[in-house]
Full PDB file with SEQRES, HELIX, SHEET, SSBOND, CRYST1, ORIGX, SCALE, CONECT and MASTER records, all heavy atoms in Angstrom:
SEQRES   1 A   35  SER VAL ARG ILE ASN ALA GLY LYS TYR ILE VAL ALA LEU          
SEQRES   2 A   35  ARG GLY ARG GLY LEU HIS ILE VAL SER MET THR GLU SER          
SEQRES   3 A   35  ASP LEU VAL ILE ASN GLY PHE ILE THR                          
SHEET    1 AA1 2 VAL A   2  ASN A   5  0                                        
SHEET    2 AA1 2 ILE A  10  LEU A  13 -1                                        
SHEET    1 AA2 2 GLY A  15  MET A  23  0                                        
SHEET    2 AA2 2 LEU A  28  ILE A  34 -1                                        
CRYST1    1.000    1.000    1.000  90.00  90.00  90.00 P 1           1          
ORIGX1      1.000000  0.000000  0.000000        0.00000                         
ORIGX2      0.000000  1.000000  0.000000        0.00000                         
ORIGX3      0.000000  0.000000  1.000000        0.00000                         
SCALE1      1.000000  0.000000  0.000000        0.00000                         
SCALE2      0.000000  1.000000  0.000000        0.00000                         
SCALE3      0.000000  0.000000  1.000000        0.00000                         
ATOM      1  N   SER A   1     -10.181  -1.541   1.603  1.00  0.00           N  
ATOM      2  CA  SER A   1     -10.005  -2.668   0.697  1.00  0.00           C  
ATOM      3  C   SER A   1     -11.276  -3.512   0.625  1.00  0.00           C  
ATOM      4  O   SER A   1     -11.916  -3.757   1.636  1.00  0.00           O  
ATOM      5  CB  SER A   1      -8.852  -3.548   1.214  1.00  0.00           C  
ATOM      6  OG  SER A   1      -8.682  -4.674   0.408  1.00  0.00           O  
ATOM      7  N   VAL A   2     -11.620  -3.922  -0.609  1.00  0.00           N  
ATOM      8  CA  VAL A   2     -12.742  -4.831  -0.813  1.00  0.00           C  
ATOM      9  C   VAL A   2     -12.274  -5.886  -1.799  1.00  0.00           C  
ATOM     10  O   VAL A   2     -11.706  -5.544  -2.846  1.00  0.00           O  
ATOM     11  CB  VAL A   2     -13.991  -4.110  -1.377  1.00  0.00           C  
ATOM     12  CG1 VAL A   2     -15.146  -5.086  -1.590  1.00  0.00           C  
ATOM     13  CG2 VAL A   2     -14.433  -2.977  -0.473  1.00  0.00           C  
ATOM     14  N   ARG A   3     -12.486  -7.146  -1.467  1.00  0.00           N  
ATOM     15  CA  ARG A   3     -12.168  -8.259  -2.383  1.00  0.00           C  
ATOM     16  C   ARG A   3     -13.445  -9.026  -2.646  1.00  0.00           C  
ATOM     17  O   ARG A   3     -14.131  -9.442  -1.698  1.00  0.00           O  
ATOM     18  CB  ARG A   3     -11.090  -9.161  -1.809  1.00  0.00           C  
ATOM     19  CG  ARG A   3      -9.751  -8.458  -1.758  1.00  0.00           C  
ATOM     20  CD  ARG A   3      -8.625  -9.248  -1.144  1.00  0.00           C  
ATOM     21  NE  ARG A   3      -8.863 -10.614  -0.822  1.00  0.00           N  
ATOM     22  CZ  ARG A   3      -8.123 -11.636  -1.255  1.00  0.00           C  
ATOM     23  NH1 ARG A   3      -7.082 -11.421  -2.008  1.00  0.00           N  
ATOM     24  NH2 ARG A   3      -8.410 -12.876  -0.880  1.00  0.00           N  
ATOM     25  N   ILE A   4     -13.754  -9.240  -3.938  1.00  0.00           N  
ATOM     26  CA  ILE A   4     -15.005  -9.827  -4.367  1.00  0.00           C  
ATOM     27  C   ILE A   4     -14.745 -11.105  -5.143  1.00  0.00           C  
ATOM     28  O   ILE A   4     -13.922 -11.102  -6.075  1.00  0.00           O  
ATOM     29  CB  ILE A   4     -15.788  -8.832  -5.248  1.00  0.00           C  
ATOM     30  CG1 ILE A   4     -15.993  -7.508  -4.502  1.00  0.00           C  
ATOM     31  CG2 ILE A   4     -17.125  -9.421  -5.701  1.00  0.00           C  
ATOM     32  CD1 ILE A   4     -16.205  -6.329  -5.394  1.00  0.00           C  
ATOM     33  N   ASN A   5     -15.432 -12.186  -4.778  1.00  0.00           N  
ATOM     34  CA  ASN A   5     -15.321 -13.432  -5.524  1.00  0.00           C  
ATOM     35  C   ASN A   5     -16.096 -13.256  -6.827  1.00  0.00           C  
ATOM     36  O   ASN A   5     -17.290 -12.991  -6.816  1.00  0.00           O  
ATOM     37  CB  ASN A   5     -15.919 -14.569  -4.698  1.00  0.00           C  
ATOM     38  CG  ASN A   5     -15.845 -15.915  -5.387  1.00  0.00           C  
ATOM     39  OD1 ASN A   5     -15.491 -16.004  -6.555  1.00  0.00           O  
ATOM     40  ND2 ASN A   5     -16.184 -16.954  -4.656  1.00  0.00           N  
ATOM     41  N   ALA A   6     -15.381 -13.441  -7.952  1.00  0.00           N  
ATOM     42  CA  ALA A   6     -16.001 -13.286  -9.267  1.00  0.00           C  
ATOM     43  C   ALA A   6     -15.898 -14.602 -10.047  1.00  0.00           C  
ATOM     44  O   ALA A   6     -15.732 -14.593 -11.261  1.00  0.00           O  
ATOM     45  CB  ALA A   6     -15.347 -12.144 -10.016  1.00  0.00           C  
ATOM     46  N   GLY A   7     -15.953 -15.714  -9.344  1.00  0.00           N  
ATOM     47  CA  GLY A   7     -15.885 -17.017 -10.013  1.00  0.00           C  
ATOM     48  C   GLY A   7     -14.460 -17.474 -10.208  1.00  0.00           C  
ATOM     49  O   GLY A   7     -13.807 -17.876  -9.251  1.00  0.00           O  
ATOM     50  N   LYS A   8     -13.939 -17.396 -11.431  1.00  0.00           N  
ATOM     51  CA  LYS A   8     -12.568 -17.865 -11.711  1.00  0.00           C  
ATOM     52  C   LYS A   8     -11.501 -16.893 -11.253  1.00  0.00           C  
ATOM     53  O   LYS A   8     -10.330 -17.208 -11.338  1.00  0.00           O  
ATOM     54  CB  LYS A   8     -12.424 -18.115 -13.211  1.00  0.00           C  
ATOM     55  CG  LYS A   8     -13.299 -19.218 -13.728  1.00  0.00           C  
ATOM     56  CD  LYS A   8     -13.087 -19.464 -15.199  1.00  0.00           C  
ATOM     57  CE  LYS A   8     -13.970 -20.597 -15.676  1.00  0.00           C  
ATOM     58  NZ  LYS A   8     -13.779 -20.848 -17.103  1.00  0.00           N  
ATOM     59  N   TYR A   9     -11.871 -15.734 -10.808  1.00  0.00           N  
ATOM     60  CA  TYR A   9     -10.899 -14.735 -10.341  1.00  0.00           C  
ATOM     61  C   TYR A   9     -11.482 -13.909  -9.224  1.00  0.00           C  
ATOM     62  O   TYR A   9     -12.659 -14.070  -8.859  1.00  0.00           O  
ATOM     63  CB  TYR A   9     -10.432 -13.860 -11.526  1.00  0.00           C  
ATOM     64  CG  TYR A   9     -11.561 -13.176 -12.229  1.00  0.00           C  
ATOM     65  CD1 TYR A   9     -11.972 -11.931 -11.858  1.00  0.00           C  
ATOM     66  CD2 TYR A   9     -12.230 -13.807 -13.268  1.00  0.00           C  
ATOM     67  CE1 TYR A   9     -13.026 -11.301 -12.496  1.00  0.00           C  
ATOM     68  CE2 TYR A   9     -13.279 -13.202 -13.915  1.00  0.00           C  
ATOM     69  CZ  TYR A   9     -13.670 -11.953 -13.519  1.00  0.00           C  
ATOM     70  OH  TYR A   9     -14.706 -11.342 -14.159  1.00  0.00           O  
ATOM     71  N   ILE A  10     -10.686 -13.005  -8.699  1.00  0.00           N  
ATOM     72  CA  ILE A  10     -11.083 -12.110  -7.620  1.00  0.00           C  
ATOM     73  C   ILE A  10     -10.918 -10.681  -8.105  1.00  0.00           C  
ATOM     74  O   ILE A  10      -9.920 -10.345  -8.743  1.00  0.00           O  
ATOM     75  CB  ILE A  10     -10.222 -12.347  -6.370  1.00  0.00           C  
ATOM     76  CG1 ILE A  10     -10.461 -13.751  -5.819  1.00  0.00           C  
ATOM     77  CG2 ILE A  10     -10.487 -11.284  -5.302  1.00  0.00           C  
ATOM     78  CD1 ILE A  10      -9.469 -14.177  -4.764  1.00  0.00           C  
ATOM     79  N   VAL A  11     -11.905  -9.833  -7.837  1.00  0.00           N  
ATOM     80  CA  VAL A  11     -11.797  -8.401  -8.106  1.00  0.00           C  
ATOM     81  C   VAL A  11     -11.437  -7.742  -6.778  1.00  0.00           C  
ATOM     82  O   VAL A  11     -12.169  -7.867  -5.797  1.00  0.00           O  
ATOM     83  CB  VAL A  11     -13.117  -7.821  -8.652  1.00  0.00           C  
ATOM     84  CG1 VAL A  11     -12.996  -6.308  -8.842  1.00  0.00           C  
ATOM     85  CG2 VAL A  11     -13.507  -8.484  -9.956  1.00  0.00           C  
ATOM     86  N   ALA A  12     -10.285  -7.058  -6.752  1.00  0.00           N  
ATOM     87  CA  ALA A  12      -9.820  -6.400  -5.545  1.00  0.00           C  
ATOM     88  C   ALA A  12      -9.851  -4.890  -5.741  1.00  0.00           C  
ATOM     89  O   ALA A  12      -9.354  -4.384  -6.768  1.00  0.00           O  
ATOM     90  CB  ALA A  12      -8.417  -6.853  -5.195  1.00  0.00           C  
ATOM     91  N   LEU A  13     -10.445  -4.185  -4.817  1.00  0.00           N  
ATOM     92  CA  LEU A  13     -10.490  -2.712  -4.853  1.00  0.00           C  
ATOM     93  C   LEU A  13      -9.675  -2.189  -3.681  1.00  0.00           C  
ATOM     94  O   LEU A  13      -9.699  -2.744  -2.577  1.00  0.00           O  
ATOM     95  CB  LEU A  13     -11.923  -2.198  -4.696  1.00  0.00           C  
ATOM     96  CG  LEU A  13     -12.978  -2.693  -5.663  1.00  0.00           C  
ATOM     97  CD1 LEU A  13     -14.341  -2.174  -5.249  1.00  0.00           C  
ATOM     98  CD2 LEU A  13     -12.651  -2.233  -7.062  1.00  0.00           C  
ATOM     99  N   ARG A  14      -8.994  -1.088  -3.913  1.00  0.00           N  
ATOM    100  CA  ARG A  14      -8.294  -0.382  -2.826  1.00  0.00           C  
ATOM    101  C   ARG A  14      -8.689   1.082  -2.930  1.00  0.00           C  
ATOM    102  O   ARG A  14      -9.002   1.583  -3.991  1.00  0.00           O  
ATOM    103  CB  ARG A  14      -6.799  -0.523  -2.982  1.00  0.00           C  
ATOM    104  CG  ARG A  14      -6.330  -1.950  -3.005  1.00  0.00           C  
ATOM    105  CD  ARG A  14      -5.261  -2.193  -1.956  1.00  0.00           C  
ATOM    106  NE  ARG A  14      -4.673  -3.512  -2.150  1.00  0.00           N  
ATOM    107  CZ  ARG A  14      -5.145  -4.619  -1.615  1.00  0.00           C  
ATOM    108  NH1 ARG A  14      -6.213  -4.592  -0.882  1.00  0.00           N  
ATOM    109  NH2 ARG A  14      -4.545  -5.771  -1.810  1.00  0.00           N  
ATOM    110  N   GLY A  15      -8.682   1.754  -1.793  1.00  0.00           N  
ATOM    111  CA  GLY A  15      -9.039   3.154  -1.783  1.00  0.00           C  
ATOM    112  C   GLY A  15      -9.237   3.657  -0.374  1.00  0.00           C  
ATOM    113  O   GLY A  15      -8.689   3.098   0.590  1.00  0.00           O  
ATOM    114  N   ARG A  16     -10.032   4.720  -0.264  1.00  0.00           N  
ATOM    115  CA  ARG A  16     -10.310   5.340   1.037  1.00  0.00           C  
ATOM    116  C   ARG A  16     -11.833   5.482   1.191  1.00  0.00           C  
ATOM    117  O   ARG A  16     -12.524   5.822   0.248  1.00  0.00           O  
ATOM    118  CB  ARG A  16      -9.672   6.722   1.126  1.00  0.00           C  
ATOM    119  CG  ARG A  16      -8.182   6.696   1.100  1.00  0.00           C  
ATOM    120  CD  ARG A  16      -7.566   8.054   1.374  1.00  0.00           C  
ATOM    121  NE  ARG A  16      -8.047   9.123   0.484  1.00  0.00           N  
ATOM    122  CZ  ARG A  16      -7.525   9.427  -0.689  1.00  0.00           C  
ATOM    123  NH1 ARG A  16      -6.512   8.746  -1.184  1.00  0.00           N  
ATOM    124  NH2 ARG A  16      -8.012  10.410  -1.412  1.00  0.00           N  
ATOM    125  N   GLY A  17     -12.313   5.225   2.369  1.00  0.00           N  
ATOM    126  CA  GLY A  17     -13.736   5.384   2.645  1.00  0.00           C  
ATOM    127  C   GLY A  17     -14.639   4.487   1.828  1.00  0.00           C  
ATOM    128  O   GLY A  17     -15.766   4.865   1.515  1.00  0.00           O  
ATOM    129  N   LEU A  18     -14.160   3.300   1.487  1.00  0.00           N  
ATOM    130  CA  LEU A  18     -14.954   2.371   0.693  1.00  0.00           C  
ATOM    131  C   LEU A  18     -16.085   1.802   1.533  1.00  0.00           C  
ATOM    132  O   LEU A  18     -15.880   1.402   2.675  1.00  0.00           O  
ATOM    133  CB  LEU A  18     -14.091   1.241   0.146  1.00  0.00           C  
ATOM    134  CG  LEU A  18     -12.932   1.630  -0.751  1.00  0.00           C  
ATOM    135  CD1 LEU A  18     -12.111   0.410  -1.158  1.00  0.00           C  
ATOM    136  CD2 LEU A  18     -13.404   2.391  -1.972  1.00  0.00           C  
ATOM    137  N   HIS A  19     -17.290   1.798   0.975  1.00  0.00           N  
ATOM    138  CA  HIS A  19     -18.412   1.188   1.687  1.00  0.00           C  
ATOM    139  C   HIS A  19     -19.424   0.636   0.682  1.00  0.00           C  
ATOM    140  O   HIS A  19     -19.564   1.153  -0.423  1.00  0.00           O  
ATOM    141  CB  HIS A  19     -19.067   2.187   2.659  1.00  0.00           C  
ATOM    142  CG  HIS A  19     -19.614   3.420   1.998  1.00  0.00           C  
ATOM    143  ND1 HIS A  19     -18.816   4.488   1.656  1.00  0.00           N  
ATOM    144  CD2 HIS A  19     -20.849   3.734   1.605  1.00  0.00           C  
ATOM    145  CE1 HIS A  19     -19.556   5.417   1.088  1.00  0.00           C  
ATOM    146  NE2 HIS A  19     -20.793   4.979   1.029  1.00  0.00           N  
ATOM    147  N   ILE A  20     -20.082  -0.426   1.076  1.00  0.00           N  
ATOM    148  CA  ILE A  20     -21.091  -1.056   0.262  1.00  0.00           C  
ATOM    149  C   ILE A  20     -22.400  -0.314   0.483  1.00  0.00           C  
ATOM    150  O   ILE A  20     -22.923  -0.263   1.586  1.00  0.00           O  
ATOM    151  CB  ILE A  20     -21.242  -2.546   0.602  1.00  0.00           C  
ATOM    152  CG1 ILE A  20     -19.929  -3.282   0.279  1.00  0.00           C  
ATOM    153  CG2 ILE A  20     -22.396  -3.168  -0.171  1.00  0.00           C  
ATOM    154  CD1 ILE A  20     -19.884  -4.713   0.719  1.00  0.00           C  
ATOM    155  N   VAL A  21     -22.907   0.269  -0.604  1.00  0.00           N  
ATOM    156  CA  VAL A  21     -24.141   1.043  -0.529  1.00  0.00           C  
ATOM    157  C   VAL A  21     -25.350   0.121  -0.595  1.00  0.00           C  
ATOM    158  O   VAL A  21     -26.312   0.292   0.144  1.00  0.00           O  
ATOM    159  CB  VAL A  21     -24.217   2.087  -1.674  1.00  0.00           C  
ATOM    160  CG1 VAL A  21     -25.533   2.816  -1.689  1.00  0.00           C  
ATOM    161  CG2 VAL A  21     -23.058   3.056  -1.571  1.00  0.00           C  
ATOM    162  N   SER A  22     -25.305  -0.844  -1.510  1.00  0.00           N  
ATOM    163  CA  SER A  22     -26.395  -1.831  -1.599  1.00  0.00           C  
ATOM    164  C   SER A  22     -25.817  -3.145  -2.110  1.00  0.00           C  
ATOM    165  O   SER A  22     -24.799  -3.187  -2.790  1.00  0.00           O  
ATOM    166  CB  SER A  22     -27.519  -1.346  -2.499  1.00  0.00           C  
ATOM    167  OG  SER A  22     -27.079  -1.196  -3.822  1.00  0.00           O  
ATOM    168  N   MET A  23     -26.521  -4.226  -1.761  1.00  0.00           N  
ATOM    169  CA  MET A  23     -26.036  -5.554  -2.115  1.00  0.00           C  
ATOM    170  C   MET A  23     -27.227  -6.493  -2.218  1.00  0.00           C  
ATOM    171  O   MET A  23     -28.119  -6.485  -1.385  1.00  0.00           O  
ATOM    172  CB  MET A  23     -25.082  -6.035  -1.024  1.00  0.00           C  
ATOM    173  CG  MET A  23     -24.419  -7.335  -1.308  1.00  0.00           C  
ATOM    174  SD  MET A  23     -23.079  -7.573  -0.133  1.00  0.00           S  
ATOM    175  CE  MET A  23     -23.398  -9.226   0.350  1.00  0.00           C  
ATOM    176  N   THR A  24     -27.230  -7.281  -3.297  1.00  0.00           N  
ATOM    177  CA  THR A  24     -28.207  -8.343  -3.455  1.00  0.00           C  
ATOM    178  C   THR A  24     -27.425  -9.651  -3.526  1.00  0.00           C  
ATOM    179  O   THR A  24     -26.197  -9.667  -3.315  1.00  0.00           O  
ATOM    180  CB  THR A  24     -29.056  -8.166  -4.745  1.00  0.00           C  
ATOM    181  OG1 THR A  24     -28.208  -8.319  -5.879  1.00  0.00           O  
ATOM    182  CG2 THR A  24     -29.744  -6.824  -4.773  1.00  0.00           C  
ATOM    183  N   GLU A  25     -28.076 -10.731  -3.878  1.00  0.00           N  
ATOM    184  CA  GLU A  25     -27.409 -12.033  -3.956  1.00  0.00           C  
ATOM    185  C   GLU A  25     -26.226 -12.024  -4.896  1.00  0.00           C  
ATOM    186  O   GLU A  25     -25.201 -12.668  -4.632  1.00  0.00           O  
ATOM    187  CB  GLU A  25     -28.416 -13.099  -4.406  1.00  0.00           C  
ATOM    188  CG  GLU A  25     -27.855 -14.490  -4.362  1.00  0.00           C  
ATOM    189  CD  GLU A  25     -28.916 -15.531  -4.683  1.00  0.00           C  
ATOM    190  OE1 GLU A  25     -30.028 -15.444  -4.130  1.00  0.00           O  
ATOM    191  OE2 GLU A  25     -28.637 -16.422  -5.516  1.00  0.00           O  
ATOM    192  N   SER A  26     -26.304 -11.284  -6.008  1.00  0.00           N  
ATOM    193  CA  SER A  26     -25.189 -11.304  -6.979  1.00  0.00           C  
ATOM    194  C   SER A  26     -24.728  -9.913  -7.422  1.00  0.00           C  
ATOM    195  O   SER A  26     -23.800  -9.811  -8.219  1.00  0.00           O  
ATOM    196  CB  SER A  26     -25.605 -12.100  -8.210  1.00  0.00           C  
ATOM    197  OG  SER A  26     -26.685 -11.472  -8.870  1.00  0.00           O  
ATOM    198  N   ASP A  27     -25.330  -8.838  -6.945  1.00  0.00           N  
ATOM    199  CA  ASP A  27     -24.979  -7.497  -7.371  1.00  0.00           C  
ATOM    200  C   ASP A  27     -24.610  -6.628  -6.188  1.00  0.00           C  
ATOM    201  O   ASP A  27     -25.126  -6.829  -5.076  1.00  0.00           O  
ATOM    202  CB  ASP A  27     -26.170  -6.833  -8.094  1.00  0.00           C  
ATOM    203  CG  ASP A  27     -26.665  -7.656  -9.277  1.00  0.00           C  
ATOM    204  OD1 ASP A  27     -25.886  -8.458  -9.805  1.00  0.00           O  
ATOM    205  OD2 ASP A  27     -27.818  -7.436  -9.672  1.00  0.00           O  
ATOM    206  N   LEU A  28     -23.723  -5.662  -6.430  1.00  0.00           N  
ATOM    207  CA  LEU A  28     -23.388  -4.722  -5.340  1.00  0.00           C  
ATOM    208  C   LEU A  28     -22.934  -3.385  -5.897  1.00  0.00           C  
ATOM    209  O   LEU A  28     -22.481  -3.280  -7.014  1.00  0.00           O  
ATOM    210  CB  LEU A  28     -22.346  -5.310  -4.412  1.00  0.00           C  
ATOM    211  CG  LEU A  28     -20.993  -5.685  -4.974  1.00  0.00           C  
ATOM    212  CD1 LEU A  28     -19.938  -4.760  -4.416  1.00  0.00           C  
ATOM    213  CD2 LEU A  28     -20.691  -7.097  -4.563  1.00  0.00           C  
ATOM    214  N   VAL A  29     -23.107  -2.361  -5.061  1.00  0.00           N  
ATOM    215  CA  VAL A  29     -22.673  -1.005  -5.369  1.00  0.00           C  
ATOM    216  C   VAL A  29     -21.715  -0.597  -4.259  1.00  0.00           C  
ATOM    217  O   VAL A  29     -22.046  -0.701  -3.075  1.00  0.00           O  
ATOM    218  CB  VAL A  29     -23.858  -0.019  -5.451  1.00  0.00           C  
ATOM    219  CG1 VAL A  29     -23.353   1.400  -5.679  1.00  0.00           C  
ATOM    220  CG2 VAL A  29     -24.832  -0.423  -6.519  1.00  0.00           C  
ATOM    221  N   ILE A  30     -20.515  -0.138  -4.661  1.00  0.00           N  
ATOM    222  CA  ILE A  30     -19.505   0.311  -3.703  1.00  0.00           C  
ATOM    223  C   ILE A  30     -19.181   1.759  -3.998  1.00  0.00           C  
ATOM    224  O   ILE A  30     -18.907   2.129  -5.139  1.00  0.00           O  
ATOM    225  CB  ILE A  30     -18.227  -0.539  -3.813  1.00  0.00           C  
ATOM    226  CG1 ILE A  30     -18.545  -1.999  -3.496  1.00  0.00           C  
ATOM    227  CG2 ILE A  30     -17.134   0.010  -2.910  1.00  0.00           C  
ATOM    228  CD1 ILE A  30     -17.410  -2.955  -3.747  1.00  0.00           C  
ATOM    229  N   ASN A  31     -19.248   2.601  -2.962  1.00  0.00           N  
ATOM    230  CA  ASN A  31     -18.861   4.011  -3.066  1.00  0.00           C  
ATOM    231  C   ASN A  31     -17.606   4.258  -2.258  1.00  0.00           C  
ATOM    232  O   ASN A  31     -17.289   3.514  -1.347  1.00  0.00           O  
ATOM    233  CB  ASN A  31     -19.981   4.911  -2.521  1.00  0.00           C  
ATOM    234  CG  ASN A  31     -21.119   5.085  -3.524  1.00  0.00           C  
ATOM    235  OD1 ASN A  31     -21.069   4.618  -4.636  1.00  0.00           O  
ATOM    236  ND2 ASN A  31     -22.143   5.761  -3.063  1.00  0.00           N  
ATOM    237  N   GLY A  32     -16.936   5.346  -2.563  1.00  0.00           N  
ATOM    238  CA  GLY A  32     -15.727   5.745  -1.872  1.00  0.00           C  
ATOM    239  C   GLY A  32     -14.745   6.298  -2.869  1.00  0.00           C  
ATOM    240  O   GLY A  32     -15.073   6.535  -4.036  1.00  0.00           O  
ATOM    241  N   PHE A  33     -13.517   6.504  -2.445  1.00  0.00           N  
ATOM    242  CA  PHE A  33     -12.458   7.000  -3.327  1.00  0.00           C  
ATOM    243  C   PHE A  33     -11.632   5.797  -3.776  1.00  0.00           C  
ATOM    244  O   PHE A  33     -10.816   5.277  -3.019  1.00  0.00           O  
ATOM    245  CB  PHE A  33     -11.585   8.018  -2.570  1.00  0.00           C  
ATOM    246  CG  PHE A  33     -10.596   8.714  -3.435  1.00  0.00           C  
ATOM    247  CD1 PHE A  33     -10.988   9.781  -4.215  1.00  0.00           C  
ATOM    248  CD2 PHE A  33      -9.274   8.290  -3.486  1.00  0.00           C  
ATOM    249  CE1 PHE A  33     -10.070  10.421  -5.032  1.00  0.00           C  
ATOM    250  CE2 PHE A  33      -8.361   8.923  -4.291  1.00  0.00           C  
ATOM    251  CZ  PHE A  33      -8.745   9.998  -5.073  1.00  0.00           C  
ATOM    252  N   ILE A  34     -11.890   5.318  -4.999  1.00  0.00           N  
ATOM    253  CA  ILE A  34     -11.253   4.115  -5.516  1.00  0.00           C  
ATOM    254  C   ILE A  34      -9.922   4.469  -6.167  1.00  0.00           C  
ATOM    255  O   ILE A  34      -9.883   5.300  -7.075  1.00  0.00           O  
ATOM    256  CB  ILE A  34     -12.160   3.403  -6.539  1.00  0.00           C  
ATOM    257  CG1 ILE A  34     -13.493   3.009  -5.864  1.00  0.00           C  
ATOM    258  CG2 ILE A  34     -11.475   2.167  -7.115  1.00  0.00           C  
ATOM    259  CD1 ILE A  34     -14.581   2.590  -6.846  1.00  0.00           C  
ATOM    260  N   THR A  35      -8.837   3.870  -5.685  1.00  0.00           N  
ATOM    261  CA  THR A  35      -7.503   4.159  -6.240  1.00  0.00           C  
ATOM    262  C   THR A  35      -6.944   3.023  -7.071  1.00  0.00           C  
ATOM    263  O   THR A  35      -6.040   3.225  -7.867  1.00  0.00           O  
ATOM    264  CB  THR A  35      -6.495   4.490  -5.117  1.00  0.00           C  
ATOM    265  OG1 THR A  35      -6.437   3.394  -4.214  1.00  0.00           O  
ATOM    266  CG2 THR A  35      -6.910   5.762  -4.388  1.00  0.00           C  
TER     267      THR A  35                                                      
MASTER        0    0    0    0    4    0    0    6  266    1    0    3          
END                                                                             
């Protein structure tokens, strides 16, 4: 599970083997099996 603050709402991801590949102050890349 990954939950991301997107200002007025939250983006929630669920899946298996989720991991953050890269992240900057405002950008990110998440890999894994997203369900």
